[in-house]
Amino acid sequence: GYGGLGVRRLREFNLALLGKWCWRMLEDREGLWFRVLAARYGVERGRLRAGGARGSSWWREIVRIRDGGGELGGGGLVSIR
């Protein structure tokens, strides 16, 4: 079960929101957020850099999902550039 607080559902909801950001960056490469992240972390071979230790926790989570480290189903969104 999920327990009384629904903690697992919150984790799934958070993963879904982060996945939405990944999708947004795939679909709208001319958008403001893509340009901000490109200016902050750089682009290498057409792909936003992970940022390493400089990356915010939000950005590190998105990169983890992008690169296939998501918790639900594994595969992630590996085609995101």
PDB file of N, CA and C in Angstrom:
ATOM      1  N   GLY A   1       0.807  -1.181   0.000  1.00  0.00           N
ATOM      2  CA  GLY A   1       0.000   0.000   0.000  1.00  0.00           C
ATOM      3  C   GLY A   1       0.858   1.257   0.000  1.00  0.00           C
ATOM      4  N   TYR A   2       0.176   2.350  -0.077  1.00  0.00           N
ATOM      5  CA  TYR A   2       0.826   3.645  -0.127  1.00  0.00           C
ATOM      6  C   TYR A   2       0.929   4.308   1.240  1.00  0.00           C
ATOM      7  N   GLY A   3       0.326   3.729   2.273  1.00  0.00           N
ATOM      8  CA  GLY A   3       0.361   4.360   3.589  1.00  0.00           C
ATOM      9  C   GLY A   3      -0.598   5.537   3.637  1.00  0.00           C
ATOM     10  N   GLY A   4      -0.769   6.077   4.829  1.00  0.00           N
ATOM     11  CA  GLY A   4      -1.743   7.147   5.013  1.00  0.00           C
ATOM     12  C   GLY A   4      -1.357   8.469   4.379  1.00  0.00           C
ATOM     13  N   LEU A   5      -0.065   8.723   4.191  1.00  0.00           N
ATOM     14  CA  LEU A   5       0.349  10.026   3.683  1.00  0.00           C
ATOM     15  C   LEU A   5       0.510  10.071   2.167  1.00  0.00           C
ATOM     16  N   GLY A   6       0.413   8.946   1.517  1.00  0.00           N
ATOM     17  CA  GLY A   6       0.544   8.929   0.063  1.00  0.00           C
ATOM     18  C   GLY A   6       1.926   9.322  -0.420  1.00  0.00           C
ATOM     19  N   VAL A   7       2.969   8.963   0.311  1.00  0.00           N
ATOM     20  CA  VAL A   7       4.329   9.379  -0.020  1.00  0.00           C
ATOM     21  C   VAL A   7       4.734   8.891  -1.398  1.00  0.00           C
ATOM     22  N   ARG A   8       4.401   7.667  -1.728  1.00  0.00           N
ATOM     23  CA  ARG A   8       4.771   7.148  -3.047  1.00  0.00           C
ATOM     24  C   ARG A   8       4.127   7.970  -4.154  1.00  0.00           C
ATOM     25  N   ARG A   9       2.899   8.368  -3.967  1.00  0.00           N
ATOM     26  CA  ARG A   9       2.219   9.184  -4.976  1.00  0.00           C
ATOM     27  C   ARG A   9       2.918  10.530  -5.144  1.00  0.00           C
ATOM     28  N   LEU A  10       3.409  11.119  -4.072  1.00  0.00           N
ATOM     29  CA  LEU A  10       4.139  12.377  -4.185  1.00  0.00           C
ATOM     30  C   LEU A  10       5.406  12.198  -5.008  1.00  0.00           C
ATOM     31  N   ARG A  11       6.095  11.086  -4.813  1.00  0.00           N
ATOM     32  CA  ARG A  11       7.305  10.806  -5.581  1.00  0.00           C
ATOM     33  C   ARG A  11       6.963  10.666  -7.064  1.00  0.00           C
ATOM     34  N   GLU A  12       5.886   9.962  -7.366  1.00  0.00           N
ATOM     35  CA  GLU A  12       5.460   9.796  -8.756  1.00  0.00           C
ATOM     36  C   GLU A  12       5.048  11.137  -9.360  1.00  0.00           C
ATOM     37  N   PHE A  13       4.356  11.954  -8.583  1.00  0.00           N
ATOM     38  CA  PHE A  13       3.929  13.274  -9.055  1.00  0.00           C
ATOM     39  C   PHE A  13       5.139  14.152  -9.359  1.00  0.00           C
ATOM     40  N   ASN A  14       6.130  14.142  -8.468  1.00  0.00           N
ATOM     41  CA  ASN A  14       7.348  14.914  -8.673  1.00  0.00           C
ATOM     42  C   ASN A  14       8.083  14.446  -9.930  1.00  0.00           C
ATOM     43  N   LEU A  15       8.180  13.148 -10.113  1.00  0.00           N
ATOM     44  CA  LEU A  15       8.835  12.599 -11.300  1.00  0.00           C
ATOM     45  C   LEU A  15       8.097  13.031 -12.567  1.00  0.00           C
ATOM     46  N   ALA A  16       6.763  13.046 -12.504  1.00  0.00           N
ATOM     47  CA  ALA A  16       5.972  13.483 -13.663  1.00  0.00           C
ATOM     48  C   ALA A  16       6.236  14.956 -13.988  1.00  0.00           C
ATOM     49  N   LEU A  17       6.324  15.803 -12.955  1.00  0.00           N
ATOM     50  CA  LEU A  17       6.597  17.220 -13.197  1.00  0.00           C
ATOM     51  C   LEU A  17       7.984  17.424 -13.793  1.00  0.00           C
ATOM     52  N   LEU A  18       8.978  16.705 -13.267  1.00  0.00           N
ATOM     53  CA  LEU A  18      10.328  16.811 -13.818  1.00  0.00           C
ATOM     54  C   LEU A  18      10.368  16.303 -15.253  1.00  0.00           C
ATOM     55  N   GLY A  19       9.628  15.237 -15.527  1.00  0.00           N
ATOM     56  CA  GLY A  19       9.546  14.719 -16.891  1.00  0.00           C
ATOM     57  C   GLY A  19       8.928  15.728 -17.842  1.00  0.00           C
ATOM     58  N   LYS A  20       7.967  16.504 -17.335  1.00  0.00           N
ATOM     59  CA  LYS A  20       7.347  17.546 -18.157  1.00  0.00           C
ATOM     60  C   LYS A  20       8.382  18.601 -18.544  1.00  0.00           C
ATOM     61  N   TRP A  21       9.278  18.963 -17.605  1.00  0.00           N
ATOM     62  CA  TRP A  21      10.349  19.905 -17.925  1.00  0.00           C
ATOM     63  C   TRP A  21      11.265  19.320 -18.992  1.00  0.00           C
ATOM     64  N   CYS A  22      11.582  18.029 -18.882  1.00  0.00           N
ATOM     65  CA  CYS A  22      12.414  17.382 -19.908  1.00  0.00           C
ATOM     66  C   CYS A  22      11.749  17.491 -21.270  1.00  0.00           C
ATOM     67  N   TRP A  23      10.466  17.189 -21.318  1.00  0.00           N
ATOM     68  CA  TRP A  23       9.726  17.247 -22.581  1.00  0.00           C
ATOM     69  C   TRP A  23       9.708  18.664 -23.140  1.00  0.00           C
ATOM     70  N   ARG A  24       9.514  19.641 -22.250  1.00  0.00           N
ATOM     71  CA  ARG A  24       9.484  21.035 -22.685  1.00  0.00           C
ATOM     72  C   ARG A  24      10.797  21.406 -23.369  1.00  0.00           C
ATOM     73  N   MET A  25      11.906  20.961 -22.813  1.00  0.00           N
ATOM     74  CA  MET A  25      13.201  21.290 -23.400  1.00  0.00           C
ATOM     75  C   MET A  25      13.434  20.572 -24.728  1.00  0.00           C
ATOM     76  N   LEU A  26      12.820  19.429 -24.896  1.00  0.00           N
ATOM     77  CA  LEU A  26      12.911  18.715 -26.166  1.00  0.00           C
ATOM     78  C   LEU A  26      12.100  19.428 -27.241  1.00  0.00           C
ATOM     79  N   GLU A  27      10.918  19.893 -26.864  1.00  0.00           N
ATOM     80  CA  GLU A  27       9.994  20.479 -27.830  1.00  0.00           C
ATOM     81  C   GLU A  27      10.267  21.955 -28.125  1.00  0.00           C
ATOM     82  N   ASP A  28      10.786  22.691 -27.173  1.00  0.00           N
ATOM     83  CA  ASP A  28      10.891  24.143 -27.319  1.00  0.00           C
ATOM     84  C   ASP A  28      12.327  24.612 -27.094  1.00  0.00           C
ATOM     85  N   ARG A  29      13.198  24.252 -28.022  1.00  0.00           N
ATOM     86  CA  ARG A  29      14.611  24.589 -27.885  1.00  0.00           C
ATOM     87  C   ARG A  29      14.886  26.077 -28.082  1.00  0.00           C
ATOM     88  N   GLU A  30      13.927  26.819 -28.609  1.00  0.00           N
ATOM     89  CA  GLU A  30      14.073  28.270 -28.748  1.00  0.00           C
ATOM     90  C   GLU A  30      13.460  29.011 -27.566  1.00  0.00           C
ATOM     91  N   GLY A  31      12.846  28.262 -26.650  1.00  0.00           N
ATOM     92  CA  GLY A  31      12.164  28.878 -25.519  1.00  0.00           C
ATOM     93  C   GLY A  31      13.130  29.472 -24.505  1.00  0.00           C
ATOM     94  N   LEU A  32      12.577  30.318 -23.647  1.00  0.00           N
ATOM     95  CA  LEU A  32      13.370  31.029 -22.656  1.00  0.00           C
ATOM     96  C   LEU A  32      14.129  30.081 -21.733  1.00  0.00           C
ATOM     97  N   TRP A  33      13.461  29.031 -21.201  1.00  0.00           N
ATOM     98  CA  TRP A  33      14.136  28.139 -20.253  1.00  0.00           C
ATOM     99  C   TRP A  33      15.294  27.405 -20.884  1.00  0.00           C
ATOM    100  N   PHE A  34      15.139  26.971 -22.123  1.00  0.00           N
ATOM    101  CA  PHE A  34      16.249  26.286 -22.788  1.00  0.00           C
ATOM    102  C   PHE A  34      17.422  27.247 -22.925  1.00  0.00           C
ATOM    103  N   ARG A  35      17.142  28.494 -23.324  1.00  0.00           N
ATOM    104  CA  ARG A  35      18.217  29.476 -23.496  1.00  0.00           C
ATOM    105  C   ARG A  35      18.894  29.823 -22.174  1.00  0.00           C
ATOM    106  N   VAL A  36      18.111  29.913 -21.101  1.00  0.00           N
ATOM    107  CA  VAL A  36      18.685  30.183 -19.776  1.00  0.00           C
ATOM    108  C   VAL A  36      19.607  29.043 -19.361  1.00  0.00           C
ATOM    109  N   LEU A  37      19.136  27.813 -19.512  1.00  0.00           N
ATOM    110  CA  LEU A  37      19.957  26.657 -19.123  1.00  0.00           C
ATOM    111  C   LEU A  37      21.183  26.517 -20.014  1.00  0.00           C
ATOM    112  N   ALA A  38      21.044  26.828 -21.293  1.00  0.00           N
ATOM    113  CA  ALA A  38      22.194  26.782 -22.196  1.00  0.00           C
ATOM    114  C   ALA A  38      23.239  27.816 -21.790  1.00  0.00           C
ATOM    115  N   ALA A  39      22.787  29.002 -21.381  1.00  0.00           N
ATOM    116  CA  ALA A  39      23.722  30.039 -20.934  1.00  0.00           C
ATOM    117  C   ALA A  39      24.390  29.642 -19.624  1.00  0.00           C
ATOM    118  N   ARG A  40      23.648  28.987 -18.751  1.00  0.00           N
ATOM    119  CA  ARG A  40      24.176  28.615 -17.425  1.00  0.00           C
ATOM    120  C   ARG A  40      25.122  27.421 -17.493  1.00  0.00           C
ATOM    121  N   TYR A  41      24.723  26.362 -18.217  1.00  0.00           N
ATOM    122  CA  TYR A  41      25.469  25.111 -18.195  1.00  0.00           C
ATOM    123  C   TYR A  41      26.206  24.802 -19.493  1.00  0.00           C
ATOM    124  N   GLY A  42      25.816  25.443 -20.565  1.00  0.00           N
ATOM    125  CA  GLY A  42      26.459  25.203 -21.843  1.00  0.00           C
ATOM    126  C   GLY A  42      25.803  24.084 -22.631  1.00  0.00           C
ATOM    127  N   VAL A  43      26.154  24.011 -23.898  1.00  0.00           N
ATOM    128  CA  VAL A  43      25.630  22.990 -24.803  1.00  0.00           C
ATOM    129  C   VAL A  43      26.826  22.293 -25.419  1.00  0.00           C
ATOM    130  N   GLU A  44      26.777  20.984 -25.432  1.00  0.00           N
ATOM    131  CA  GLU A  44      27.852  20.201 -26.025  1.00  0.00           C
ATOM    132  C   GLU A  44      27.242  19.191 -26.986  1.00  0.00           C
ATOM    133  N   ARG A  45      27.654  19.254 -28.254  1.00  0.00           N
ATOM    134  CA  ARG A  45      27.101  18.381 -29.298  1.00  0.00           C
ATOM    135  C   ARG A  45      25.579  18.445 -29.356  1.00  0.00           C
ATOM    136  N   GLY A  46      25.052  19.664 -29.239  1.00  0.00           N
ATOM    137  CA  GLY A  46      23.608  19.873 -29.343  1.00  0.00           C
ATOM    138  C   GLY A  46      22.823  19.489 -28.110  1.00  0.00           C
ATOM    139  N   ARG A  47      23.509  19.191 -27.018  1.00  0.00           N
ATOM    140  CA  ARG A  47      22.850  18.700 -25.817  1.00  0.00           C
ATOM    141  C   ARG A  47      23.236  19.565 -24.619  1.00  0.00           C
ATOM    142  N   LEU A  48      22.254  19.912 -23.789  1.00  0.00           N
ATOM    143  CA  LEU A  48      22.545  20.693 -22.589  1.00  0.00           C
ATOM    144  C   LEU A  48      23.468  19.892 -21.674  1.00  0.00           C
ATOM    145  N   ARG A  49      24.483  20.555 -21.126  1.00  0.00           N
ATOM    146  CA  ARG A  49      25.403  19.894 -20.203  1.00  0.00           C
ATOM    147  C   ARG A  49      24.744  19.673 -18.847  1.00  0.00           C
ATOM    148  N   ALA A  50      25.237  18.680 -18.135  1.00  0.00           N
ATOM    149  CA  ALA A  50      24.678  18.348 -16.826  1.00  0.00           C
ATOM    150  C   ALA A  50      25.020  19.397 -15.776  1.00  0.00           C
ATOM    151  N   GLY A  51      26.175  20.028 -15.875  1.00  0.00           N
ATOM    152  CA  GLY A  51      26.531  21.080 -14.937  1.00  0.00           C
ATOM    153  C   GLY A  51      27.355  20.620 -13.750  1.00  0.00           C
ATOM    154  N   GLY A  52      27.431  19.316 -13.518  1.00  0.00           N
ATOM    155  CA  GLY A  52      28.238  18.808 -12.416  1.00  0.00           C
ATOM    156  C   GLY A  52      27.837  19.400 -11.080  1.00  0.00           C
ATOM    157  N   ALA A  53      28.816  19.716 -10.267  1.00  0.00           N
ATOM    158  CA  ALA A  53      28.559  20.266  -8.932  1.00  0.00           C
ATOM    159  C   ALA A  53      27.916  21.649  -8.999  1.00  0.00           C
ATOM    160  N   ARG A  54      28.076  22.343 -10.134  1.00  0.00           N
ATOM    161  CA  ARG A  54      27.459  23.669 -10.303  1.00  0.00           C
ATOM    162  C   ARG A  54      25.957  23.582 -10.497  1.00  0.00           C
ATOM    163  N   GLY A  55      25.472  22.418 -10.875  1.00  0.00           N
ATOM    164  CA  GLY A  55      24.058  22.268 -11.189  1.00  0.00           C
ATOM    165  C   GLY A  55      23.182  22.346  -9.953  1.00  0.00           C
ATOM    166  N   SER A  56      22.045  22.993 -10.080  1.00  0.00           N
ATOM    167  CA  SER A  56      21.086  23.030  -8.973  1.00  0.00           C
ATOM    168  C   SER A  56      20.511  21.632  -8.775  1.00  0.00           C
ATOM    169  N   SER A  57      19.929  21.376  -7.620  1.00  0.00           N
ATOM    170  CA  SER A  57      19.334  20.056  -7.373  1.00  0.00           C
ATOM    171  C   SER A  57      18.211  19.797  -8.375  1.00  0.00           C
ATOM    172  N   TRP A  58      17.451  20.848  -8.745  1.00  0.00           N
ATOM    173  CA  TRP A  58      16.381  20.711  -9.750  1.00  0.00           C
ATOM    174  C   TRP A  58      16.962  20.254 -11.083  1.00  0.00           C
ATOM    175  N   TRP A  59      18.048  20.907 -11.523  1.00  0.00           N
ATOM    176  CA  TRP A  59      18.638  20.566 -12.807  1.00  0.00           C
ATOM    177  C   TRP A  59      19.274  19.182 -12.776  1.00  0.00           C
ATOM    178  N   ARG A  60      19.925  18.818 -11.667  1.00  0.00           N
ATOM    179  CA  ARG A  60      20.526  17.478 -11.569  1.00  0.00           C
ATOM    180  C   ARG A  60      19.463  16.395 -11.677  1.00  0.00           C
ATOM    181  N   GLU A  61      18.281  16.615 -11.076  1.00  0.00           N
ATOM    182  CA  GLU A  61      17.192  15.641 -11.176  1.00  0.00           C
ATOM    183  C   GLU A  61      16.689  15.519 -12.609  1.00  0.00           C
ATOM    184  N   ILE A  62      16.552  16.653 -13.294  1.00  0.00           N
ATOM    185  CA  ILE A  62      16.094  16.612 -14.688  1.00  0.00           C
ATOM    186  C   ILE A  62      17.109  15.872 -15.552  1.00  0.00           C
ATOM    187  N   VAL A  63      18.387  16.136 -15.365  1.00  0.00           N
ATOM    188  CA  VAL A  63      19.422  15.453 -16.136  1.00  0.00           C
ATOM    189  C   VAL A  63      19.399  13.958 -15.840  1.00  0.00           C
ATOM    190  N   ARG A  64      19.177  13.596 -14.577  1.00  0.00           N
ATOM    191  CA  ARG A  64      19.122  12.176 -14.206  1.00  0.00           C
ATOM    192  C   ARG A  64      17.974  11.480 -14.949  1.00  0.00           C
ATOM    193  N   ILE A  65      16.820  12.143 -15.015  1.00  0.00           N
ATOM    194  CA  ILE A  65      15.679  11.568 -15.737  1.00  0.00           C
ATOM    195  C   ILE A  65      15.984  11.519 -17.235  1.00  0.00           C
ATOM    196  N   ARG A  66      16.538  12.601 -17.751  1.00  0.00           N
ATOM    197  CA  ARG A  66      16.882  12.664 -19.179  1.00  0.00           C
ATOM    198  C   ARG A  66      17.816  11.526 -19.576  1.00  0.00           C
ATOM    199  N   ASP A  67      18.767  11.241 -18.703  1.00  0.00           N
ATOM    200  CA  ASP A  67      19.785  10.243 -19.022  1.00  0.00           C
ATOM    201  C   ASP A  67      19.400   8.829 -18.615  1.00  0.00           C
ATOM    202  N   GLY A  68      18.143   8.639 -18.203  1.00  0.00           N
ATOM    203  CA  GLY A  68      17.666   7.290 -17.931  1.00  0.00           C
ATOM    204  C   GLY A  68      17.713   6.864 -16.491  1.00  0.00           C
ATOM    205  N   GLY A  69      17.894   7.800 -15.563  1.00  0.00           N
ATOM    206  CA  GLY A  69      17.967   7.437 -14.154  1.00  0.00           C
ATOM    207  C   GLY A  69      16.675   7.622 -13.400  1.00  0.00           C
ATOM    208  N   GLY A  70      15.544   7.747 -14.105  1.00  0.00           N
ATOM    209  CA  GLY A  70      14.260   7.903 -13.419  1.00  0.00           C
ATOM    210  C   GLY A  70      13.885   6.641 -12.676  1.00  0.00           C
ATOM    211  N   GLU A  71      13.088   6.761 -11.629  1.00  0.00           N
ATOM    212  CA  GLU A  71      12.746   5.625 -10.791  1.00  0.00           C
ATOM    213  C   GLU A  71      11.658   4.745 -11.390  1.00  0.00           C
ATOM    214  N   LEU A  72      10.762   5.302 -12.166  1.00  0.00           N
ATOM    215  CA  LEU A  72       9.619   4.530 -12.652  1.00  0.00           C
ATOM    216  C   LEU A  72       9.894   4.013 -14.044  1.00  0.00           C
ATOM    217  N   GLY A  73      10.119   2.752 -14.178  1.00  0.00           N
ATOM    218  CA  GLY A  73      10.300   2.153 -15.487  1.00  0.00           C
ATOM    219  C   GLY A  73      11.688   2.251 -16.051  1.00  0.00           C
ATOM    220  N   GLY A  74      12.577   2.950 -15.400  1.00  0.00           N
ATOM    221  CA  GLY A  74      13.976   2.937 -15.812  1.00  0.00           C
ATOM    222  C   GLY A  74      14.327   3.793 -16.994  1.00  0.00           C
ATOM    223  N   GLY A  75      13.897   3.486 -18.194  1.00  0.00           N
ATOM    224  CA  GLY A  75      14.416   4.032 -19.421  1.00  0.00           C
ATOM    225  C   GLY A  75      14.623   5.516 -19.533  1.00  0.00           C
ATOM    226  N   GLY A  76      13.917   6.311 -18.801  1.00  0.00           N
ATOM    227  CA  GLY A  76      14.107   7.756 -18.867  1.00  0.00           C
ATOM    228  C   GLY A  76      13.728   8.316 -20.221  1.00  0.00           C
ATOM    229  N   LEU A  77      14.248   9.488 -20.501  1.00  0.00           N
ATOM    230  CA  LEU A  77      13.983  10.184 -21.761  1.00  0.00           C
ATOM    231  C   LEU A  77      15.305  10.397 -22.459  1.00  0.00           C
ATOM    232  N   VAL A  78      15.951   9.320 -22.829  1.00  0.00           N
ATOM    233  CA  VAL A  78      17.331   9.381 -23.290  1.00  0.00           C
ATOM    234  C   VAL A  78      17.504  10.135 -24.600  1.00  0.00           C
ATOM    235  N   SER A  79      16.443  10.381 -25.338  1.00  0.00           N
ATOM    236  CA  SER A  79      16.609  11.073 -26.611  1.00  0.00           C
ATOM    237  C   SER A  79      16.628  12.579 -26.454  1.00  0.00           C
ATOM    238  N   ILE A  80      16.384  13.106 -25.253  1.00  0.00           N
ATOM    239  CA  ILE A  80      16.361  14.557 -25.062  1.00  0.00           C
ATOM    240  C   ILE A  80      17.749  15.121 -25.258  1.00  0.00           C
ATOM    241  N   ARG A  81      17.823  16.192 -26.028  1.00  0.00           N
ATOM    242  CA  ARG A  81      19.122  16.810 -26.324  1.00  0.00           C
ATOM    243  C   ARG A  81      19.281  18.091 -25.573  1.00  0.00           C
TER     244      ARG A  81
END
